[in-house]
Amino acid sequence: IVFVEGGDLIPADMRVLECSDNFHVDNAALTGESEPQRRKYICTHDDPLETQNLCFFGTQIPEGSCKGVVISTGDKTVMGRI
């Protein structure tokens, strides 16, 4: 279980268990999206890169906070496979 908040980097691929209403991640390094993306604990899409309940290693948190469970580390993360 990991707790992260604004200013942190996501330490591993993780699934959101609980988060603040303003929890966003900046996926620009991974997807090229220019705006931070809102995250929540509910699965919203079958595609891991599109669902709002996953956060990925190396992405930044511009605001909010989250408690999550690690699902992948190292070479098994989305970033590690690129």
C-alpha atoms as a PDB file:
ATOM      1  CA  ILE A   1       0.000   0.000   0.000  1.00  0.00           C
ATOM      2  CA  VAL A   2       1.342   3.418  -1.014  1.00  0.00           C
ATOM      3  CA  PHE A   3       0.248   6.946  -0.072  1.00  0.00           C
ATOM      4  CA  VAL A   4       1.112   9.769  -2.505  1.00  0.00           C
ATOM      5  CA  GLU A   5       0.219  13.460  -2.672  1.00  0.00           C
ATOM      6  CA  GLY A   6       0.754  16.576  -4.772  1.00  0.00           C
ATOM      7  CA  GLY A   7       4.414  17.022  -5.756  1.00  0.00           C
ATOM      8  CA  ASP A   8       5.220  13.292  -5.591  1.00  0.00           C
ATOM      9  CA  LEU A   9       6.136  10.925  -8.398  1.00  0.00           C
ATOM     10  CA  ILE A  10       4.201   7.666  -8.669  1.00  0.00           C
ATOM     11  CA  PRO A  11       6.702   5.032  -7.405  1.00  0.00           C
ATOM     12  CA  ALA A  12       5.225   2.021  -9.264  1.00  0.00           C
ATOM     13  CA  ASP A  13       2.176   1.125 -11.337  1.00  0.00           C
ATOM     14  CA  MET A  14      -0.686   1.170  -8.877  1.00  0.00           C
ATOM     15  CA  ARG A  15      -4.443   0.831  -8.563  1.00  0.00           C
ATOM     16  CA  VAL A  16      -6.261   3.614  -6.710  1.00  0.00           C
ATOM     17  CA  LEU A  17      -8.016   2.482  -3.512  1.00  0.00           C
ATOM     18  CA  GLU A  18      -8.976   5.919  -2.146  1.00  0.00           C
ATOM     19  CA  CYS A  19      -8.300   9.445  -3.368  1.00  0.00           C
ATOM     20  CA  SER A  20      -9.179  13.078  -2.864  1.00  0.00           C
ATOM     21  CA  ASP A  21     -11.710  14.679  -5.206  1.00  0.00           C
ATOM     22  CA  ASN A  22      -8.950  16.753  -6.826  1.00  0.00           C
ATOM     23  CA  PHE A  23      -6.481  13.887  -7.435  1.00  0.00           C
ATOM     24  CA  HIS A  24      -4.781  14.302 -10.835  1.00  0.00           C
ATOM     25  CA  VAL A  25      -1.734  12.745 -12.488  1.00  0.00           C
ATOM     26  CA  ASP A  26       0.395  14.193 -15.270  1.00  0.00           C
ATOM     27  CA  ASN A  27       0.826  11.414 -17.845  1.00  0.00           C
ATOM     28  CA  ALA A  28       2.693  13.603 -20.364  1.00  0.00           C
ATOM     29  CA  ALA A  29       5.884  11.528 -20.133  1.00  0.00           C
ATOM     30  CA  LEU A  30       3.912   8.366 -20.873  1.00  0.00           C
ATOM     31  CA  THR A  31       1.078   9.356 -23.219  1.00  0.00           C
ATOM     32  CA  GLY A  32       1.924  12.882 -24.388  1.00  0.00           C
ATOM     33  CA  GLU A  33      -1.314  14.280 -22.939  1.00  0.00           C
ATOM     34  CA  SER A  34      -0.834  17.968 -22.226  1.00  0.00           C
ATOM     35  CA  GLU A  35      -3.319  18.273 -19.347  1.00  0.00           C
ATOM     36  CA  PRO A  36      -3.196  16.382 -16.024  1.00  0.00           C
ATOM     37  CA  GLN A  37      -5.766  13.577 -15.891  1.00  0.00           C
ATOM     38  CA  ARG A  38      -8.238  13.080 -13.048  1.00  0.00           C
ATOM     39  CA  ARG A  39      -8.021   9.768 -11.214  1.00  0.00           C
ATOM     40  CA  LYS A  40     -10.574   7.985  -9.030  1.00  0.00           C
ATOM     41  CA  TYR A  41     -11.043   4.572  -7.440  1.00  0.00           C
ATOM     42  CA  ILE A  42     -13.672   3.353  -9.944  1.00  0.00           C
ATOM     43  CA  CYS A  43     -12.631   1.383 -13.050  1.00  0.00           C
ATOM     44  CA  THR A  44     -13.868   3.423 -16.029  1.00  0.00           C
ATOM     45  CA  HIS A  45     -12.422   1.560 -19.040  1.00  0.00           C
ATOM     46  CA  ASP A  46     -11.106  -1.901 -19.964  1.00  0.00           C
ATOM     47  CA  ASP A  47      -7.919  -0.398 -21.452  1.00  0.00           C
ATOM     48  CA  PRO A  48      -5.358   0.129 -18.638  1.00  0.00           C
ATOM     49  CA  LEU A  49      -4.090   3.357 -20.234  1.00  0.00           C
ATOM     50  CA  GLU A  50      -7.614   4.802 -20.399  1.00  0.00           C
ATOM     51  CA  THR A  51      -9.137   3.792 -17.067  1.00  0.00           C
ATOM     52  CA  GLN A  52      -9.148   6.350 -14.264  1.00  0.00           C
ATOM     53  CA  ASN A  53      -8.287   3.949 -11.435  1.00  0.00           C
ATOM     54  CA  LEU A  54      -4.674   3.252 -12.439  1.00  0.00           C
ATOM     55  CA  CYS A  55      -1.565   5.410 -12.014  1.00  0.00           C
ATOM     56  CA  PHE A  56       1.747   4.666 -13.679  1.00  0.00           C
ATOM     57  CA  PHE A  57       5.364   4.651 -12.522  1.00  0.00           C
ATOM     58  CA  GLY A  58       7.199   7.938 -13.113  1.00  0.00           C
ATOM     59  CA  THR A  59       4.133  10.124 -13.618  1.00  0.00           C
ATOM     60  CA  GLN A  60       3.789  13.258 -11.509  1.00  0.00           C
ATOM     61  CA  ILE A  61       1.009  14.315  -9.167  1.00  0.00           C
ATOM     62  CA  PRO A  62       0.273  18.034  -9.579  1.00  0.00           C
ATOM     63  CA  GLU A  63      -2.533  18.015  -6.986  1.00  0.00           C
ATOM     64  CA  GLY A  64      -4.544  15.830  -4.645  1.00  0.00           C
ATOM     65  CA  SER A  65      -3.670  12.690  -2.730  1.00  0.00           C
ATOM     66  CA  CYS A  66      -4.196   8.966  -3.092  1.00  0.00           C
ATOM     67  CA  LYS A  67      -3.846   5.634  -1.347  1.00  0.00           C
ATOM     68  CA  GLY A  68      -3.196   2.768  -3.751  1.00  0.00           C
ATOM     69  CA  VAL A  69      -1.916  -0.763  -4.065  1.00  0.00           C
ATOM     70  CA  VAL A  70       1.163  -1.558  -6.183  1.00  0.00           C
ATOM     71  CA  ILE A  71       0.385  -3.787  -9.166  1.00  0.00           C
ATOM     72  CA  SER A  72       3.723  -3.687 -11.078  1.00  0.00           C
ATOM     73  CA  THR A  73       7.336  -2.684 -10.424  1.00  0.00           C
ATOM     74  CA  GLY A  74      10.553  -2.378 -12.438  1.00  0.00           C
ATOM     75  CA  ASP A  75      10.525  -3.796 -15.969  1.00  0.00           C
ATOM     76  CA  LYS A  76       6.929  -4.968 -15.510  1.00  0.00           C
ATOM     77  CA  THR A  77       5.551  -1.406 -15.287  1.00  0.00           C
ATOM     78  CA  VAL A  78       4.002   0.255 -18.338  1.00  0.00           C
ATOM     79  CA  MET A  79       7.008   2.639 -18.487  1.00  0.00           C
ATOM     80  CA  GLY A  80       9.434  -0.274 -18.046  1.00  0.00           C
ATOM     81  CA  ARG A  81       8.014  -2.042 -21.105  1.00  0.00           C
ATOM     82  CA  ILE A  82       8.588   0.946 -23.397  1.00  0.00           C
END
